[in-house]
Protein backbone atom coordinates (compact mmCIF):
# COMPACT_ATOMS: atom_id res chain seq x y z
CA MET A 1 0.73 -61.81 2.70
CA ALA A 2 -1.47 -60.37 5.45
CA THR A 3 1.58 -58.92 7.31
CA LYS A 4 2.71 -57.16 4.24
CA GLN A 5 -0.70 -55.65 3.97
CA VAL A 6 -0.89 -54.43 7.55
CA ASN A 7 2.57 -52.95 7.16
CA ASN A 8 1.46 -51.02 3.97
CA GLU A 9 -1.35 -49.69 6.01
CA THR A 10 0.75 -48.72 8.89
CA ASN A 11 3.09 -46.94 6.55
CA LEU A 12 0.28 -45.02 5.24
CA PHE A 13 -0.72 -43.68 8.61
CA GLU A 14 2.94 -42.93 9.35
CA ALA A 15 3.04 -40.91 6.08
CA ILE A 16 -0.10 -39.03 6.89
CA GLN A 17 1.29 -38.11 10.46
CA GLN A 18 4.40 -36.74 8.83
CA PHE A 19 2.37 -34.90 6.03
CA CYS A 20 0.36 -33.29 8.69
CA SER A 21 3.43 -32.21 10.73
CA ASP A 22 5.02 -30.85 7.51
CA LYS A 23 2.18 -28.87 6.31
CA GLY A 24 0.79 -27.84 9.69
CA LEU A 25 -2.65 -29.48 8.92
CA SER A 26 -4.97 -31.35 11.28
CA LYS A 27 -4.74 -35.09 11.17
CA ASP A 28 -8.58 -35.39 11.55
CA SER A 29 -8.96 -33.04 8.75
CA VAL A 30 -6.73 -35.12 6.42
CA LEU A 31 -8.39 -38.31 7.46
CA ASN A 32 -11.76 -36.99 6.76
CA ILE A 33 -10.39 -36.03 3.28
CA ILE A 34 -9.10 -39.52 2.67
CA LYS A 35 -12.62 -41.00 3.86
CA ASP A 36 -14.40 -38.65 1.37
CA SER A 37 -12.05 -39.59 -1.42
CA LEU A 38 -12.39 -43.27 -0.87
CA VAL A 39 -16.14 -43.22 -0.71
CA GLY A 40 -16.41 -41.10 -3.75
CA ALA A 41 -13.98 -43.41 -5.66
CA TYR A 42 -16.00 -46.52 -4.51
CA LYS A 43 -19.41 -45.09 -5.59
CA LYS A 44 -17.79 -44.35 -9.05
CA LYS A 45 -16.85 -48.13 -9.02
CA LEU A 46 -20.52 -48.98 -8.39
CA GLY A 47 -21.69 -46.71 -11.22
CA LEU A 48 -23.29 -44.12 -8.86
CA GLU A 49 -23.02 -40.37 -8.77
CA VAL A 50 -20.42 -39.14 -6.00
CA SER A 51 -23.14 -36.93 -4.54
CA SER A 52 -25.72 -39.89 -4.23
CA GLU A 53 -27.20 -40.72 -0.94
CA ALA A 54 -25.84 -44.25 -1.09
CA ASP A 55 -24.79 -45.45 2.46
CA VAL A 56 -21.07 -45.99 2.03
CA ASN A 57 -18.61 -45.41 4.99
CA VAL A 58 -14.88 -45.71 5.65
CA GLU A 59 -13.52 -46.85 9.07
CA PHE A 60 -10.14 -46.59 10.56
CA SER A 61 -9.46 -49.30 13.04
CA ASP A 62 -7.30 -49.24 16.08
CA LYS A 63 -4.87 -51.53 14.09
CA ASN A 64 -4.31 -48.74 11.55
CA GLU A 65 -6.51 -50.75 9.04
CA VAL A 66 -8.69 -48.64 6.37
CA VAL A 67 -11.93 -50.37 5.61
CA ILE A 68 -14.86 -49.63 3.17
CA VAL A 69 -18.02 -50.43 4.92
CA VAL A 70 -21.41 -50.93 2.78
CA PRO A 71 -24.50 -52.10 4.52
CA LYS A 72 -26.23 -54.83 2.14
CA GLN A 73 -29.59 -56.44 2.54
CA VAL A 74 -29.62 -60.15 2.37
CA VAL A 75 -31.63 -61.93 -0.50
CA GLU A 76 -32.34 -65.46 -1.58
CA THR A 77 -30.32 -65.28 -4.75
CA ALA A 78 -27.80 -63.17 -6.51
CA SER A 79 -28.75 -59.62 -7.48
CA ASP A 80 -27.51 -56.90 -9.71
CA SER A 81 -28.01 -54.34 -6.95
CA PRO A 82 -24.67 -53.46 -5.25
CA PHE A 83 -26.56 -53.05 -2.07
CA GLU A 84 -27.85 -56.61 -1.75
CA ILE A 85 -25.91 -59.79 -1.15
CA PRO A 86 -27.05 -63.44 -1.66
CA LEU A 87 -27.80 -65.53 1.59
CA ALA A 88 -24.96 -67.93 1.04
CA LYS A 89 -22.35 -65.07 0.98
CA ALA A 90 -23.97 -63.13 3.87
CA LYS A 91 -23.57 -66.47 6.03
CA LEU A 92 -19.86 -66.00 5.56
CA ILE A 93 -20.00 -62.61 7.07
CA ASP A 94 -22.63 -63.35 9.86
CA PRO A 95 -23.66 -67.21 10.34
CA ASP A 96 -27.00 -66.23 12.11
CA VAL A 97 -28.27 -63.72 9.29
CA GLU A 98 -31.46 -64.44 7.43
CA VAL A 99 -33.05 -63.28 4.40
CA GLY A 100 -34.37 -59.78 4.82
CA GLY A 101 -31.52 -58.97 7.24
CA VAL A 102 -28.66 -56.62 6.83
CA VAL A 103 -24.97 -57.30 6.98
CA GLN A 104 -21.96 -54.76 7.08
CA PHE A 105 -20.03 -55.74 3.83
CA LYS A 106 -16.40 -54.67 4.42
CA GLU A 107 -13.89 -54.38 1.59
CA LYS A 108 -10.16 -52.97 1.92
CA PRO A 109 -9.04 -50.16 -0.57
CA ILE A 110 -6.17 -52.16 -1.60
CA GLU A 111 -8.66 -54.85 -2.83
CA LEU A 112 -10.23 -52.33 -5.08
CA SER A 113 -9.36 -52.24 -8.78
CA ARG A 114 -6.25 -50.12 -9.64
CA ILE A 115 -8.37 -47.56 -11.59
CA VAL A 116 -10.52 -46.85 -8.49
CA SER A 117 -7.36 -46.58 -6.26
CA ASN A 118 -6.03 -44.07 -8.80
CA GLN A 119 -9.19 -42.09 -8.68
CA ALA A 120 -9.12 -42.03 -4.87
CA ARG A 121 -5.53 -40.84 -4.76
CA GLN A 122 -6.16 -38.04 -7.23
CA MET A 123 -9.19 -36.95 -5.27
CA VAL A 124 -7.08 -36.99 -1.88
CA PHE A 125 -4.33 -35.01 -3.48
CA GLN A 126 -6.58 -32.37 -4.89
CA LYS A 127 -8.56 -31.84 -1.75
CA LEU A 128 -5.30 -31.72 0.37
CA LYS A 129 -3.99 -29.27 -1.93
CA GLU A 130 -7.20 -27.02 -1.60
CA MET A 131 -7.07 -27.35 2.23
CA GLU A 132 -3.28 -26.40 2.33
CA ARG A 133 -3.96 -23.53 0.01
CA GLU A 134 -6.75 -22.32 2.37
CA LEU A 135 -4.77 -22.49 5.35
CA LEU A 136 -1.90 -20.60 3.82
CA TYR A 137 -4.44 -17.95 2.34
CA ASN A 138 -5.82 -17.47 5.92
CA GLU A 139 -2.34 -17.23 7.46
CA TYR A 140 -0.90 -14.60 5.01
CA LYS A 141 -4.11 -12.52 4.46
CA VAL A 142 -3.93 -11.18 8.00
CA LYS A 143 -0.31 -10.20 7.20
CA GLU A 144 -1.25 -7.80 4.34
CA GLY A 145 0.70 -4.66 4.69
CA GLU A 146 3.26 -6.13 7.05
CA LEU A 147 7.10 -6.38 6.52
CA THR A 148 8.50 -9.61 5.56
CA HIS A 149 11.85 -11.12 4.46
CA GLY A 150 12.60 -13.59 1.69
CA TYR A 151 15.14 -14.93 -0.75
CA PHE A 152 15.22 -14.25 -4.32
CA GLN A 153 14.74 -17.42 -6.24
CA ARG A 154 14.37 -16.75 -10.13
CA TRP A 155 12.82 -14.64 -12.83
CA ILE A 156 9.49 -15.97 -13.68
CA ASN A 157 9.45 -13.82 -16.78
CA LYS A 158 11.54 -10.67 -17.77
CA ASP A 159 9.78 -8.60 -15.29
CA THR A 160 8.44 -10.69 -12.25
CA MET A 161 10.61 -12.05 -9.43
CA SER A 162 9.84 -15.31 -7.53
CA ILE A 163 10.55 -14.81 -3.76
CA ASP A 164 10.91 -17.68 -1.20
CA LEU A 165 8.90 -16.86 1.71
CA GLY A 166 9.58 -20.24 3.48
CA LYS A 167 6.18 -21.91 3.37
CA VAL A 168 5.04 -20.45 0.13
CA GLU A 169 6.36 -18.33 -2.78
CA GLY A 170 5.46 -14.71 -3.52
CA ILE A 171 6.01 -12.73 -6.69
CA MET A 172 7.15 -9.17 -7.13
CA PRO A 173 6.01 -7.57 -10.42
CA LYS A 174 8.10 -4.99 -11.96
CA LYS A 175 5.93 -2.08 -10.78
CA GLU A 176 6.45 -3.16 -7.22
CA GLN A 177 10.21 -3.29 -7.76
CA ASN A 178 12.73 -0.45 -6.97
CA PRO A 179 14.12 0.55 -10.37
CA GLY A 180 17.80 -0.21 -10.61
CA GLU A 181 18.05 -2.89 -8.02
CA LYS A 182 19.72 -6.21 -9.08
CA TYR A 183 19.42 -9.48 -7.46
CA LYS A 184 21.08 -12.99 -7.71
CA ALA A 185 19.61 -16.31 -6.52
CA GLY A 186 19.86 -16.64 -2.83
CA ASP A 187 19.91 -12.89 -2.06
CA ARG A 188 17.95 -11.69 0.99
CA LEU A 189 15.47 -8.88 0.64
CA LYS A 190 12.93 -7.04 2.67
CA ALA A 191 9.45 -6.29 1.34
CA ILE A 192 5.87 -5.67 2.42
CA ILE A 193 2.92 -8.15 1.79
CA ALA A 194 1.05 -5.96 -0.65
CA ARG A 195 -1.82 -8.27 -1.64
CA VAL A 196 -2.91 -11.90 -0.91
CA GLU A 197 -5.38 -13.38 -3.24
CA LEU A 198 -6.94 -16.73 -4.35
CA ARG A 199 -7.18 -16.11 -7.91
CA LYS A 200 -9.43 -17.94 -10.39
CA ASP A 201 -10.20 -17.57 -14.03
CA LYS A 202 -13.08 -18.83 -15.97
CA PHE A 203 -11.36 -22.31 -16.57
CA ARG A 204 -9.37 -23.07 -13.51
CA ASP A 205 -8.30 -22.15 -9.99
CA THR A 206 -4.91 -20.51 -10.50
CA GLY A 207 -4.18 -20.71 -6.87
CA LEU A 208 -2.66 -18.60 -4.11
CA VAL A 209 -0.97 -15.41 -5.27
CA ILE A 210 1.21 -13.34 -2.77
CA THR A 211 2.33 -10.26 -4.24
CA LEU A 212 5.27 -8.29 -2.45
CA SER A 213 6.33 -4.70 -2.92
CA ARG A 214 9.43 -2.68 -2.34
CA ALA A 215 8.21 0.46 -4.38
CA SER A 216 5.20 1.47 -2.35
CA GLY A 217 5.09 4.28 0.25
CA ASP A 218 3.93 1.70 2.61
CA PHE A 219 7.25 -0.13 2.42
CA VAL A 220 8.98 2.89 3.54
CA LYS A 221 6.51 3.39 6.34
CA LYS A 222 7.25 0.02 7.78
CA LEU A 223 10.87 0.72 7.54
CA PHE A 224 10.59 3.72 9.70
CA GLU A 225 8.22 1.97 12.19
CA MET A 226 11.03 -0.69 12.67
CA GLU A 227 13.87 1.94 12.95
CA ILE A 228 12.43 4.58 14.65
CA PRO A 229 11.36 3.86 18.35
CA GLU A 230 9.31 7.00 18.61
CA ILE A 231 7.07 6.12 15.71
CA TYR A 232 6.82 2.69 17.05
CA ASP A 233 5.74 3.84 20.50
CA GLY A 234 3.32 6.48 18.82
CA LEU A 235 5.30 9.69 20.12
CA VAL A 236 5.80 10.48 16.55
CA GLN A 237 3.06 9.90 13.71
CA ILE A 238 3.49 9.51 10.04
CA VAL A 239 0.97 11.52 8.39
CA ASP A 240 1.50 10.84 4.73
CA ILE A 241 4.13 9.75 2.47
CA ALA A 242 4.77 10.46 -1.32
CA ARG A 243 7.41 8.57 -3.30
CA LEU A 244 9.24 8.01 -6.56
CA PRO A 245 10.93 4.75 -6.15
CA SER A 246 14.79 4.84 -6.27
CA VAL A 247 14.61 8.77 -6.61
CA ARG A 248 13.02 10.43 -3.77
CA THR A 249 10.60 9.87 -0.77
CA LYS A 250 9.06 12.71 1.30
CA ILE A 251 7.64 11.64 4.46
CA VAL A 252 5.30 13.95 6.64
CA VAL A 253 5.58 13.43 10.32
CA ARG A 254 4.20 15.24 13.54
CA GLY A 255 4.75 14.74 17.25
CA THR A 256 2.05 13.93 19.68
CA ARG A 257 3.82 15.69 22.43
CA SER A 258 5.12 19.13 22.64
CA ASP A 259 8.54 18.12 23.81
CA ILE A 260 9.09 15.76 20.84
CA ASP A 261 10.83 16.96 17.65
CA PRO A 262 9.52 14.65 15.24
CA VAL A 263 11.91 15.52 12.41
CA GLY A 264 14.85 15.14 14.74
CA ALA A 265 13.57 11.95 16.04
CA CYS A 266 13.47 10.33 12.68
CA VAL A 267 16.88 11.60 11.62
CA GLY A 268 18.73 10.71 14.77
CA MET A 269 22.04 11.80 15.88
CA LYS A 270 24.33 12.58 13.03
CA GLY A 271 21.67 10.99 10.81
CA VAL A 272 22.23 7.52 12.02
CA ARG A 273 18.74 6.40 11.99
CA ILE A 274 17.76 7.56 8.78
CA GLN A 275 20.87 6.15 7.09
CA SER A 276 19.99 2.45 7.76
CA ILE A 277 16.67 3.30 5.86
CA VAL A 278 18.58 5.09 3.12
CA ARG A 279 20.96 2.14 2.51
CA GLU A 280 17.85 -0.31 2.43
CA LEU A 281 16.46 1.85 -0.45
CA GLY A 282 19.64 1.90 -2.28
CA ASN A 283 20.69 5.61 -1.29
CA GLU A 284 17.22 6.91 -2.31
CA ARG A 285 16.79 10.42 -1.15
CA ILE A 286 14.55 10.82 1.89
CA ASP A 287 13.04 14.21 2.93
CA ILE A 288 11.32 14.32 6.34
CA ILE A 289 8.78 16.94 6.41
CA GLN A 290 7.12 18.57 9.64
CA TYR A 291 3.34 18.59 9.39
CA SER A 292 1.35 21.98 9.59
CA ASP A 293 -2.22 22.91 9.34
CA ASN A 294 -1.28 26.21 7.66
CA PRO A 295 -1.03 25.57 3.95
CA SER A 296 1.60 28.21 3.33
CA GLU A 297 3.78 26.73 6.13
CA PHE A 298 3.13 23.20 5.12
CA ILE A 299 4.01 24.09 1.51
CA THR A 300 7.27 25.77 2.64
CA ASN A 301 8.30 22.65 4.62
CA ALA A 302 7.22 20.27 1.60
CA ILE A 303 9.42 22.15 -1.01
CA SER A 304 12.53 21.57 1.14
CA PRO A 305 15.52 21.29 0.93
CA ALA A 306 14.86 24.60 -0.96
CA LYS A 307 13.91 27.50 1.17
CA PRO A 308 11.34 29.73 -0.07
CA VAL A 309 11.54 33.47 0.49
CA GLU A 310 7.71 33.92 0.01
CA VAL A 311 4.51 31.38 -0.59
CA ARG A 312 1.31 32.78 -1.67
CA VAL A 313 -1.67 30.49 -1.44
CA ASP A 314 -5.07 30.73 -3.21
CA HIS A 315 -7.21 28.39 -0.85
CA ASP A 316 -10.29 28.37 -3.17
CA ASN A 317 -8.53 27.22 -6.34
CA ARG A 318 -5.89 25.24 -4.40
CA GLU A 319 -3.08 26.83 -6.14
CA ALA A 320 0.08 28.30 -4.74
CA LEU A 321 2.94 30.48 -5.84
CA VAL A 322 6.27 29.68 -4.50
CA ILE A 323 9.24 32.24 -4.79
CA VAL A 324 12.78 30.90 -4.19
CA PRO A 325 16.22 32.55 -4.47
CA ASP A 326 17.74 32.45 -7.79
CA ASP A 327 20.30 29.73 -6.82
CA SER A 328 17.67 27.47 -5.19
CA LEU A 329 15.42 27.14 -8.32
CA SER A 330 16.66 23.82 -9.60
CA LEU A 331 16.75 22.59 -5.97
CA ALA A 332 13.19 23.50 -5.49
CA ILE A 333 12.19 21.81 -8.69
CA GLY A 334 14.19 18.70 -8.23
CA SER A 335 15.67 16.26 -10.84
CA SER A 336 12.99 15.75 -13.53
CA GLY A 337 10.59 17.78 -11.19
CA SER A 338 10.68 15.09 -8.69
CA ASN A 339 10.86 17.63 -5.66
CA VAL A 340 7.92 19.76 -6.75
CA LYS A 341 5.75 16.56 -7.92
CA LEU A 342 6.05 14.98 -4.58
CA ALA A 343 5.22 18.43 -2.75
CA VAL A 344 2.13 18.62 -4.85
CA GLN A 345 1.05 15.06 -3.92
CA LEU A 346 1.45 15.99 -0.39
CA CYS A 347 -0.22 19.29 -0.09
CA GLN A 348 -2.85 18.71 -2.94
CA PHE A 349 -2.18 22.21 -4.11
CA LYS A 350 -0.99 23.18 -7.71
CA ILE A 351 2.43 24.66 -7.19
CA ASP A 352 4.19 27.17 -9.36
CA ILE A 353 7.67 27.81 -8.56
CA LYS A 354 9.56 30.94 -9.55
CA SER A 355 12.88 32.35 -8.79
CA ILE A 356 13.18 36.06 -7.57
CA SER A 357 14.46 37.06 -10.97
CA GLN A 358 11.62 35.40 -12.71
CA TYR A 359 9.11 36.84 -10.47
CA ASN A 360 10.51 40.36 -10.90
CA GLU A 361 10.46 40.04 -14.44
CA ASP A 362 6.95 38.99 -14.69
CA MET A 363 6.00 41.79 -12.46
CA THR A 364 7.19 44.37 -14.99
CA SER A 365 4.22 43.23 -17.12
CA PRO A 366 0.86 44.77 -16.20
CA GLU A 367 -0.80 41.71 -17.61
CA ALA A 368 1.20 39.40 -15.43
CA ARG A 369 0.75 41.63 -12.24
CA ASP A 370 -3.14 41.53 -13.05
CA ARG A 371 -3.09 37.77 -13.41
CA LEU A 372 -1.22 37.22 -10.01
CA ASP A 373 -3.29 39.54 -8.30
CA ARG A 374 -6.50 37.69 -9.53
CA LEU A 375 -5.05 34.37 -8.73
CA PHE A 376 -3.92 35.07 -5.12
CA ASN A 377 -6.67 37.50 -4.09
CA ASN A 378 -10.31 36.20 -3.84
CA HIS A 379 -11.78 39.52 -3.01
CA VAL A 380 -10.62 41.91 -5.49
CA ALA A 381 -13.87 43.83 -5.90
CA ASN A 382 -14.19 44.10 -2.15
CA HIS A 383 -10.72 45.47 -2.15
CA SER A 384 -11.33 48.10 -4.69
CA LYS A 385 -14.40 49.31 -2.63
CA VAL A 386 -12.17 49.49 0.48
CA VAL A 387 -9.65 51.54 -1.74
CA GLU A 388 -12.24 54.05 -2.91
CA SER A 389 -13.39 54.44 0.62
CA THR A 390 -10.21 55.07 2.15
CA GLU A 391 -9.14 57.40 -0.57
CA ASP A 392 -11.88 59.56 0.15
CA ASP A 393 -10.94 59.80 3.77
CA SER A 394 -7.12 60.21 3.22
CA LYS A 395 -5.75 63.54 3.27
CA GLY A 396 -2.60 62.51 1.25
CA THR A 397 -2.04 61.31 -2.28
CA PRO A 398 -4.02 57.83 -2.70
CA LEU A 399 -1.89 54.76 -2.95
CA SER A 400 -3.90 54.00 -6.13
CA GLU A 401 -2.10 56.71 -7.80
CA ILE A 402 1.12 54.62 -8.16
CA PRO A 403 1.05 52.86 -11.40
CA GLY A 404 1.10 49.07 -11.32
CA LEU A 405 0.22 48.93 -7.61
CA THR A 406 -2.78 46.28 -7.49
CA PRO A 407 -5.94 46.63 -5.32
CA ARG A 408 -4.63 43.61 -3.44
CA VAL A 409 -1.29 45.15 -2.45
CA VAL A 410 -3.04 48.63 -1.73
CA SER A 411 -5.37 46.69 0.71
CA LEU A 412 -2.46 44.90 2.39
CA LEU A 413 -0.69 48.34 2.92
CA GLN A 414 -3.79 49.98 4.21
CA SER A 415 -4.27 47.20 6.76
CA GLY A 416 -0.85 47.80 7.78
CA GLY A 417 -1.56 51.44 8.59
CA VAL A 418 0.07 52.89 5.10
CA ASN A 419 -2.70 54.78 3.65
CA ASP A 420 -1.05 57.32 1.22
CA VAL A 421 1.90 57.80 -0.83
CA GLU A 422 3.45 60.24 1.47
CA THR A 423 3.55 57.83 4.22
CA LEU A 424 4.77 54.93 2.06
CA ILE A 425 7.78 57.20 1.01
CA GLU A 426 8.87 57.17 4.54
CA MET A 427 8.82 53.33 4.83
CA GLN A 428 11.93 51.14 4.59
CA SER A 429 11.76 47.70 2.77
CA GLU A 430 12.35 45.79 6.18
CA ASP A 431 9.21 47.57 7.62
CA LEU A 432 7.12 47.01 4.65
CA ALA A 433 7.99 43.31 4.59
CA LYS A 434 6.75 42.97 8.31
CA ILE A 435 3.11 43.90 7.12
CA PRO A 436 1.13 40.69 7.15
CA GLY A 437 0.76 39.35 3.61
CA VAL A 438 3.50 41.43 2.07
CA GLY A 439 6.91 39.72 2.50
CA GLN A 440 10.26 40.82 1.42
CA THR A 441 9.81 40.31 -2.31
CA THR A 442 6.59 42.06 -2.67
CA SER A 443 8.02 45.04 -0.43
CA GLU A 444 10.98 45.50 -2.72
CA GLN A 445 8.60 45.39 -5.64
CA ILE A 446 6.34 48.18 -4.03
CA LEU A 447 9.42 50.39 -3.40
CA ARG A 448 10.52 50.00 -7.12
CA LEU A 449 7.08 50.91 -8.69
CA LEU A 450 7.00 53.85 -5.90
CA SER A 451 10.46 55.07 -7.09
CA GLU A 452 9.39 54.79 -10.88
CA SER A 453 6.20 56.94 -9.86
CA VAL A 454 8.04 59.64 -8.05
CA GLU A 455 10.75 59.97 -10.79
CA PHE A 456 7.73 60.38 -13.33
CA VAL A 457 5.96 63.00 -11.23
CA GLU A 458 9.15 65.12 -10.80
CA GLU A 459 9.87 64.86 -14.49
CA GLY A 460 6.35 66.38 -15.11
């Protein structure tokens, strides 16, 4: 019988060793949990609170034996106290002991009642589960934002995916999934670890929750870092990312050295680098944008693949007017407005896109011309004063005599050396477009207004 008992305990220690190896836990930590659980269960058997200061210990011998040790004071006759022992029983433990002495009373857990053993087992399992969860939390918490691989297991509900990460299970809620992607059990996928939490509600500890994401801009960023050596090495920096999952992503980059083309580095020869990322995202459209400190230039880049003919920026109100060729309007706006939405996110400007035809049509209305002038000229009053002063000094016909020519445009022309109508008549559209702030579209509009004005004067 004794041999069977020792074998049971030996098997226990072998099981503990295997458990520690499988879970990556410290053997000493697990043994301490078993000690605490046995002590707690034994105190419950004695009718004591688990938190009481009663002197109860657990020992693990070199022979792989588990023993509960309770110091008991020797008394003359039997007592109800669990910490006293009659002299006759004490002599069986230590023949030399006398009344008033103390003996170390030892009891093996398998000799405890079945109820106490079950209590100890439950406490061990609970504490080991807490320890394992804490270790996994610490391991994965530092990996937040990192790229990981997993295997699709099942749908937890109609919206949330369960992903096998090896040691632990992750979840991917609907908002973190790429719309339109389909998976079957065992499919391998990439994602970033978005959040790692130990969740609790008012009633219970719901455990470790690892939330994965394929829909965030950070996921795209990690793919670029993995695929583009220049980004990994710091030669190209990712400034910002705006994304509509499964539709379009715009990623803003800049080089840290003058000899590096950041856009070309990301695209690669014949687009080979970017194509692997596009495939991973299910053929999602990716625009790589060159960063610029100049808002007008940055907005021009951000609205790609459309190529604006003119961009007007109101810095104070964070608004911009983008004029594009007639055949590029839908390209500039994008499917369901996706292109302009992402450009707005990146530039933090409210962007109004118009085709050349729309712009010219708007400019036929004095009210529209006035509104555009107020919107994209922060110094109308000052410009008016400059115009008045210049008109007094000019020997020719003042520019303000041309109907529809706003104070802002007059000021731009004067800054370019065009101070009267006579000088303006001699100008070509290309020459006017070279004046800072004018551009090709405005130059054509100026000449149209001039033509209408001249015809009116001649008819009079």
